[in-house]
Structures are given as C-alpha cells and as structure tokens.
N, C-alpha and C. Protein backbone atom coordinates (compact mmCIF):
# COMPACT_ATOMS: atom_id res chain seq x y z
N MET A 1 318.16 67.00 -8.89
CA MET A 1 317.95 67.67 -10.16
C MET A 1 318.31 69.15 -10.04
N ASN A 2 317.94 69.79 -8.96
CA ASN A 2 318.22 71.19 -8.75
C ASN A 2 319.74 71.42 -8.69
N LYS A 3 320.47 70.48 -8.08
CA LYS A 3 321.92 70.61 -7.99
C LYS A 3 322.55 70.59 -9.38
N ARG A 4 322.02 69.75 -10.28
CA ARG A 4 322.52 69.68 -11.65
C ARG A 4 322.33 71.01 -12.37
N ARG A 5 321.19 71.64 -12.18
CA ARG A 5 320.93 72.92 -12.84
C ARG A 5 321.90 73.99 -12.35
N VAL A 6 322.22 73.96 -11.07
CA VAL A 6 323.16 74.94 -10.52
C VAL A 6 324.53 74.72 -11.14
N ILE A 7 324.96 73.48 -11.26
CA ILE A 7 326.26 73.18 -11.85
C ILE A 7 326.26 73.56 -13.33
N SER A 8 325.20 73.25 -14.03
CA SER A 8 325.11 73.60 -15.45
C SER A 8 325.13 75.10 -15.64
N ALA A 9 324.43 75.83 -14.81
CA ALA A 9 324.42 77.28 -14.91
C ALA A 9 325.82 77.85 -14.64
N ALA A 10 326.50 77.29 -13.64
CA ALA A 10 327.86 77.74 -13.34
C ALA A 10 328.80 77.45 -14.50
N ALA A 11 328.65 76.27 -15.11
CA ALA A 11 329.49 75.90 -16.25
C ALA A 11 329.23 76.84 -17.43
N CYS A 12 327.98 77.16 -17.68
CA CYS A 12 327.63 78.08 -18.76
C CYS A 12 328.21 79.47 -18.54
N LEU A 13 328.12 79.96 -17.30
CA LEU A 13 328.69 81.27 -16.99
C LEU A 13 330.20 81.28 -17.17
N ALA A 14 330.87 80.20 -16.75
CA ALA A 14 332.31 80.11 -16.93
C ALA A 14 332.67 80.11 -18.40
N LEU A 15 331.91 79.36 -19.20
CA LEU A 15 332.16 79.30 -20.63
C LEU A 15 331.92 80.66 -21.28
N LEU A 16 330.85 81.32 -20.93
CA LEU A 16 330.56 82.64 -21.49
C LEU A 16 331.60 83.66 -21.06
N GLY A 17 332.12 83.55 -19.86
CA GLY A 17 333.17 84.44 -19.41
C GLY A 17 334.41 84.29 -20.26
N GLY A 18 334.77 83.04 -20.60
CA GLY A 18 335.92 82.79 -21.46
C GLY A 18 335.68 83.27 -22.87
N VAL A 19 334.48 83.08 -23.38
CA VAL A 19 334.14 83.52 -24.73
C VAL A 19 334.15 85.04 -24.80
N GLY A 20 333.76 85.69 -23.74
CA GLY A 20 333.74 87.14 -23.72
C GLY A 20 335.13 87.74 -23.87
N ALA A 21 336.16 87.05 -23.39
CA ALA A 21 337.52 87.56 -23.50
C ALA A 21 338.14 87.23 -24.85
N MET A 22 337.69 86.18 -25.52
CA MET A 22 338.33 85.74 -26.75
C MET A 22 338.04 86.59 -27.99
N PRO A 23 336.86 87.16 -28.18
CA PRO A 23 336.61 87.85 -29.43
C PRO A 23 337.59 88.98 -29.73
N VAL A 24 338.14 89.60 -28.71
CA VAL A 24 339.10 90.68 -28.93
C VAL A 24 340.28 90.15 -29.73
N MET A 25 340.79 88.98 -29.36
CA MET A 25 341.93 88.41 -30.04
C MET A 25 341.53 87.73 -31.34
N ALA A 26 340.36 87.17 -31.41
CA ALA A 26 339.96 86.36 -32.56
C ALA A 26 339.77 87.21 -33.81
N ARG A 27 339.65 88.48 -33.69
CA ARG A 27 339.37 89.34 -34.83
C ARG A 27 340.62 89.92 -35.49
N THR A 28 341.81 89.54 -35.08
CA THR A 28 343.03 90.08 -35.67
C THR A 28 343.24 89.49 -37.06
N THR A 29 343.47 90.37 -38.06
CA THR A 29 343.68 89.93 -39.43
C THR A 29 344.98 90.52 -39.96
N THR A 30 345.51 89.89 -41.01
CA THR A 30 346.74 90.38 -41.65
C THR A 30 346.56 90.41 -43.16
N ARG A 31 347.25 91.34 -43.80
CA ARG A 31 347.31 91.38 -45.26
C ARG A 31 348.50 92.25 -45.67
N VAL A 32 348.97 92.05 -46.88
CA VAL A 32 350.12 92.81 -47.39
C VAL A 32 349.60 94.05 -48.12
N VAL A 33 350.21 95.20 -47.81
CA VAL A 33 349.84 96.46 -48.44
C VAL A 33 351.12 97.21 -48.84
N GLU A 34 350.97 98.18 -49.71
CA GLU A 34 352.09 99.03 -50.08
C GLU A 34 352.24 100.13 -49.04
N CYS A 35 353.49 100.45 -48.74
CA CYS A 35 353.75 101.65 -47.92
C CYS A 35 355.03 102.27 -48.45
N GLY A 36 354.84 103.21 -49.33
CA GLY A 36 355.99 103.83 -49.98
C GLY A 36 356.60 102.88 -51.00
N ALA A 37 357.93 102.76 -50.95
CA ALA A 37 358.65 101.90 -51.89
C ALA A 37 358.74 100.45 -51.43
N GLN A 38 358.22 100.16 -50.27
CA GLN A 38 358.32 98.80 -49.73
C GLN A 38 356.93 98.22 -49.45
N SER A 39 356.92 96.95 -49.10
CA SER A 39 355.67 96.29 -48.73
C SER A 39 355.58 96.23 -47.21
N CYS A 40 354.36 96.32 -46.71
CA CYS A 40 354.12 96.26 -45.28
C CYS A 40 353.06 95.21 -44.97
N LEU A 41 353.11 94.69 -43.77
CA LEU A 41 352.07 93.81 -43.28
C LEU A 41 351.10 94.69 -42.49
N LYS A 42 349.86 94.69 -42.91
CA LYS A 42 348.85 95.47 -42.18
C LYS A 42 348.13 94.52 -41.23
N LEU A 43 348.18 94.86 -39.96
CA LEU A 43 347.47 94.12 -38.93
C LEU A 43 346.29 94.97 -38.50
N SER A 44 345.16 94.34 -38.29
CA SER A 44 344.00 95.07 -37.77
C SER A 44 343.23 94.15 -36.85
N GLY A 45 342.60 94.77 -35.87
CA GLY A 45 341.85 93.98 -34.92
C GLY A 45 341.03 94.83 -33.98
N LYS A 46 340.55 94.19 -32.96
CA LYS A 46 339.74 94.86 -31.94
C LYS A 46 340.31 94.56 -30.57
N ARG A 47 340.11 95.47 -29.65
CA ARG A 47 340.54 95.28 -28.27
C ARG A 47 339.51 95.90 -27.35
N ALA A 48 339.50 95.45 -26.12
CA ALA A 48 338.50 95.90 -25.16
C ALA A 48 338.69 97.36 -24.76
N ASP A 49 339.96 97.81 -24.69
CA ASP A 49 340.25 99.15 -24.23
C ASP A 49 341.29 99.77 -25.17
N ALA A 50 341.09 101.01 -25.56
CA ALA A 50 342.00 101.68 -26.49
C ALA A 50 343.41 101.85 -25.94
N ALA A 51 343.59 101.72 -24.62
CA ALA A 51 344.90 101.88 -24.01
C ALA A 51 345.71 100.58 -23.97
N GLU A 52 345.11 99.45 -24.36
CA GLU A 52 345.81 98.17 -24.30
C GLU A 52 346.94 98.13 -25.33
N ALA A 53 348.09 97.62 -24.89
CA ALA A 53 349.27 97.54 -25.75
C ALA A 53 349.13 96.38 -26.74
N ILE A 54 349.69 96.57 -27.94
CA ILE A 54 349.70 95.55 -28.97
C ILE A 54 351.15 95.16 -29.23
N THR A 55 351.42 93.85 -29.30
CA THR A 55 352.76 93.38 -29.60
C THR A 55 352.74 92.45 -30.81
N LEU A 56 353.86 92.39 -31.49
CA LEU A 56 354.05 91.49 -32.62
C LEU A 56 355.30 90.67 -32.34
N ASN A 57 355.13 89.37 -32.14
CA ASN A 57 356.24 88.48 -31.78
C ASN A 57 357.05 89.02 -30.61
N GLY A 58 356.34 89.57 -29.63
CA GLY A 58 356.97 90.06 -28.41
C GLY A 58 357.50 91.49 -28.48
N HIS A 59 357.43 92.13 -29.64
CA HIS A 59 357.90 93.50 -29.81
C HIS A 59 356.71 94.44 -29.82
N GLY A 60 356.79 95.51 -29.06
CA GLY A 60 355.72 96.50 -29.04
C GLY A 60 355.64 97.22 -30.38
N ILE A 61 354.44 97.44 -30.87
CA ILE A 61 354.26 98.18 -32.12
C ILE A 61 353.29 99.33 -31.87
N SER A 62 353.45 100.38 -32.65
CA SER A 62 352.51 101.50 -32.53
C SER A 62 351.33 101.23 -33.44
N VAL A 63 350.16 101.52 -32.93
CA VAL A 63 348.93 101.27 -33.68
C VAL A 63 348.13 102.56 -33.79
N GLN A 64 347.25 102.59 -34.75
CA GLN A 64 346.34 103.71 -34.92
C GLN A 64 344.94 103.24 -34.63
N GLY A 65 344.14 104.12 -34.11
CA GLY A 65 342.75 103.78 -33.79
C GLY A 65 342.56 103.59 -32.30
N GLY A 66 341.35 103.27 -31.95
CA GLY A 66 341.00 103.06 -30.55
C GLY A 66 340.75 101.59 -30.29
N ARG A 67 339.49 101.27 -29.99
CA ARG A 67 339.16 99.85 -29.77
C ARG A 67 339.30 99.05 -31.05
N THR A 68 339.00 99.65 -32.19
CA THR A 68 339.28 99.04 -33.49
C THR A 68 340.60 99.66 -33.95
N TRP A 69 341.63 98.85 -34.09
CA TRP A 69 342.97 99.35 -34.35
C TRP A 69 343.55 98.75 -35.63
N HIS A 70 344.60 99.40 -36.13
CA HIS A 70 345.37 98.85 -37.25
C HIS A 70 346.80 99.37 -37.16
N ALA A 71 347.72 98.60 -37.72
CA ALA A 71 349.13 98.97 -37.72
C ALA A 71 349.75 98.47 -39.02
N ARG A 72 350.78 99.16 -39.46
CA ARG A 72 351.54 98.74 -40.63
C ARG A 72 352.98 98.51 -40.18
N VAL A 73 353.48 97.32 -40.47
CA VAL A 73 354.84 96.96 -40.09
C VAL A 73 355.55 96.52 -41.37
N PRO A 74 356.73 97.10 -41.68
CA PRO A 74 357.44 96.68 -42.89
C PRO A 74 357.70 95.17 -42.90
N VAL A 75 357.55 94.55 -44.07
CA VAL A 75 357.77 93.11 -44.18
C VAL A 75 359.19 92.76 -43.74
N ARG A 76 360.14 93.62 -44.03
CA ARG A 76 361.53 93.39 -43.59
C ARG A 76 361.60 93.23 -42.07
N THR A 77 360.88 94.05 -41.35
CA THR A 77 360.86 93.97 -39.88
C THR A 77 360.18 92.69 -39.42
N VAL A 78 359.08 92.32 -40.07
CA VAL A 78 358.38 91.08 -39.72
C VAL A 78 359.32 89.90 -39.92
N ARG A 79 360.11 89.91 -41.00
CA ARG A 79 361.09 88.84 -41.24
C ARG A 79 362.12 88.77 -40.13
N GLU A 80 362.61 89.93 -39.70
CA GLU A 80 363.62 89.97 -38.64
C GLU A 80 363.07 89.43 -37.33
N TRP A 81 361.80 89.70 -37.04
CA TRP A 81 361.20 89.30 -35.77
C TRP A 81 360.60 87.90 -35.79
N SER A 82 360.60 87.23 -36.94
CA SER A 82 359.94 85.93 -37.07
C SER A 82 360.96 84.83 -37.39
N ALA A 83 360.54 83.60 -37.15
CA ALA A 83 361.35 82.45 -37.52
C ALA A 83 361.35 82.34 -39.05
N PRO A 84 362.42 81.77 -39.64
CA PRO A 84 362.44 81.60 -41.09
C PRO A 84 361.25 80.75 -41.56
N TYR A 85 360.65 81.18 -42.66
CA TYR A 85 359.53 80.48 -43.29
C TYR A 85 358.31 80.36 -42.38
N ALA A 86 358.15 81.28 -41.45
CA ALA A 86 357.01 81.25 -40.53
C ALA A 86 355.71 81.39 -41.30
N ARG A 87 354.69 80.70 -40.82
CA ARG A 87 353.36 80.80 -41.43
C ARG A 87 352.40 81.59 -40.56
N SER A 88 352.85 81.95 -39.36
CA SER A 88 352.01 82.75 -38.46
C SER A 88 352.90 83.64 -37.61
N ILE A 89 352.27 84.62 -37.01
CA ILE A 89 352.96 85.50 -36.08
C ILE A 89 352.20 85.48 -34.76
N GLU A 90 352.85 85.93 -33.72
CA GLU A 90 352.22 85.99 -32.41
C GLU A 90 351.84 87.44 -32.13
N VAL A 91 350.55 87.69 -32.04
CA VAL A 91 350.05 89.03 -31.76
C VAL A 91 349.53 89.05 -30.33
N GLY A 92 349.97 90.03 -29.58
CA GLY A 92 349.54 90.16 -28.19
C GLY A 92 348.68 91.39 -28.01
N VAL A 93 347.58 91.22 -27.31
CA VAL A 93 346.70 92.34 -26.94
C VAL A 93 346.56 92.28 -25.44
N ALA A 94 347.00 93.33 -24.77
CA ALA A 94 346.93 93.41 -23.31
C ALA A 94 347.59 92.20 -22.65
N GLY A 95 348.73 91.75 -23.20
CA GLY A 95 349.47 90.65 -22.60
C GLY A 95 349.00 89.27 -22.97
N GLN A 96 347.88 89.13 -23.67
CA GLN A 96 347.39 87.81 -24.10
C GLN A 96 347.87 87.57 -25.52
N GLN A 97 348.63 86.48 -25.70
CA GLN A 97 349.21 86.16 -27.00
C GLN A 97 348.33 85.21 -27.79
N ARG A 98 348.34 85.37 -29.11
CA ARG A 98 347.59 84.47 -29.99
C ARG A 98 348.31 84.37 -31.33
N GLU A 99 348.34 83.17 -31.89
CA GLU A 99 348.92 82.94 -33.21
C GLU A 99 347.94 83.44 -34.27
N VAL A 100 348.43 84.26 -35.19
CA VAL A 100 347.62 84.81 -36.26
C VAL A 100 348.27 84.40 -37.58
N PRO A 101 347.53 83.77 -38.50
CA PRO A 101 348.13 83.33 -39.76
C PRO A 101 348.60 84.50 -40.62
N LEU A 102 349.71 84.28 -41.32
CA LEU A 102 350.23 85.26 -42.25
C LEU A 102 349.67 84.99 -43.65
N PRO A 103 349.67 85.99 -44.51
CA PRO A 103 349.29 85.73 -45.91
C PRO A 103 350.21 84.64 -46.49
N ILE A 104 349.67 83.78 -47.32
CA ILE A 104 350.41 82.63 -47.85
C ILE A 104 351.69 83.08 -48.54
N GLY A 105 352.81 82.46 -48.15
CA GLY A 105 354.09 82.70 -48.80
C GLY A 105 354.79 83.98 -48.40
N LEU A 106 354.28 84.73 -47.44
CA LEU A 106 354.89 86.02 -47.09
C LEU A 106 356.34 85.87 -46.66
N LEU A 107 356.63 84.92 -45.80
CA LEU A 107 358.00 84.75 -45.32
C LEU A 107 358.68 83.54 -45.95
N GLY A 108 358.18 83.13 -47.10
CA GLY A 108 358.78 82.00 -47.83
C GLY A 108 360.10 82.40 -48.44
N GLN A 109 360.72 81.43 -49.08
CA GLN A 109 362.00 81.65 -49.72
C GLN A 109 361.85 82.61 -50.90
N PRO A 110 362.68 83.66 -50.96
CA PRO A 110 362.54 84.61 -52.07
C PRO A 110 362.92 83.96 -53.40
N THR A 111 362.13 84.23 -54.41
CA THR A 111 362.41 83.72 -55.75
C THR A 111 362.28 84.87 -56.74
N ASP A 112 362.93 84.69 -57.86
CA ASP A 112 362.83 85.69 -58.92
C ASP A 112 361.95 85.14 -60.03
N LEU A 113 360.67 85.39 -59.93
CA LEU A 113 359.73 84.95 -60.96
C LEU A 113 359.54 86.08 -61.95
N ALA A 114 359.71 85.77 -63.20
CA ALA A 114 359.48 86.78 -64.23
C ALA A 114 357.99 86.93 -64.47
N MET A 115 357.27 85.77 -64.52
CA MET A 115 355.83 85.83 -64.70
C MET A 115 355.22 84.48 -64.33
N VAL A 116 353.95 84.51 -64.09
CA VAL A 116 353.18 83.31 -63.81
C VAL A 116 352.03 83.28 -64.81
N VAL A 117 351.86 82.14 -65.49
CA VAL A 117 350.78 82.00 -66.46
C VAL A 117 349.74 81.07 -65.89
N VAL A 118 348.49 81.51 -65.86
CA VAL A 118 347.38 80.71 -65.38
C VAL A 118 346.39 80.57 -66.52
N ARG A 119 346.06 79.32 -66.84
CA ARG A 119 345.10 79.06 -67.91
C ARG A 119 343.88 78.34 -67.35
N VAL A 120 342.74 78.73 -67.86
CA VAL A 120 341.49 78.10 -67.46
C VAL A 120 341.08 77.11 -68.53
N LYS A 121 340.75 75.89 -68.13
CA LYS A 121 340.34 74.88 -69.11
C LYS A 121 338.85 74.71 -69.09
C-alpha cells in the first residue's frame, strides 16, 4: 500500500509539473483590431519570463509588455505567413509551439458583401 502512495504522489507531481508549464501558452488570445488604415490581428498572452521570445508561424514578432504581453500584426502579414484558409496560427513562447484559433473567417476567401441583413423572429 505504501508503494502505491509513493507512485501516486510521483504521478501527481509529474502531472502538476506539466500543468505548471502549460498555462503560459494556454492564455494566448487573438482578435481583429484597427491599426491605421488597415486591420491587424492582436495577439495577447502570458509568459513566464519577460525576455522569452514570441513567434507567429515560426516568424519572430515584436511584442509589448512584460510577462503579460500583446502584439499587433497586420492581417496581410498573417495571410502571407499562414496556409490559405487557415483557421489557426502557431504561436511560440520560449520555443514551445501551440495552435491558437483565429477569429472566424479571418483568412477565408475574400468577398464583396454590400450588406448583411439579420432578422429576429
């Protein structure tokens, strides 16, 4: 019985060690914002150390902030760095990559919509 408790305690510590590293990546969010005459993708998240590098689809990006950071990347650049019609991007913090969902339809096929009518019944 004592041996089981030792194994269980070791398993719990290993699990907690893994969970401790994940929250930094799990908090990365995206949204579309205006930046001048164009639209930008705003990324924000948290990292363990303010000196850790942030990448977007393998490209280094400049960020503002410390452990809580944010960056604005033109949508045109995100399109160039992403696969066509991508629904997520790969964000790296300190060399650890994670898929982060994009806002719906961001890299979809461009259309010329004059207007959209929504009616409530």
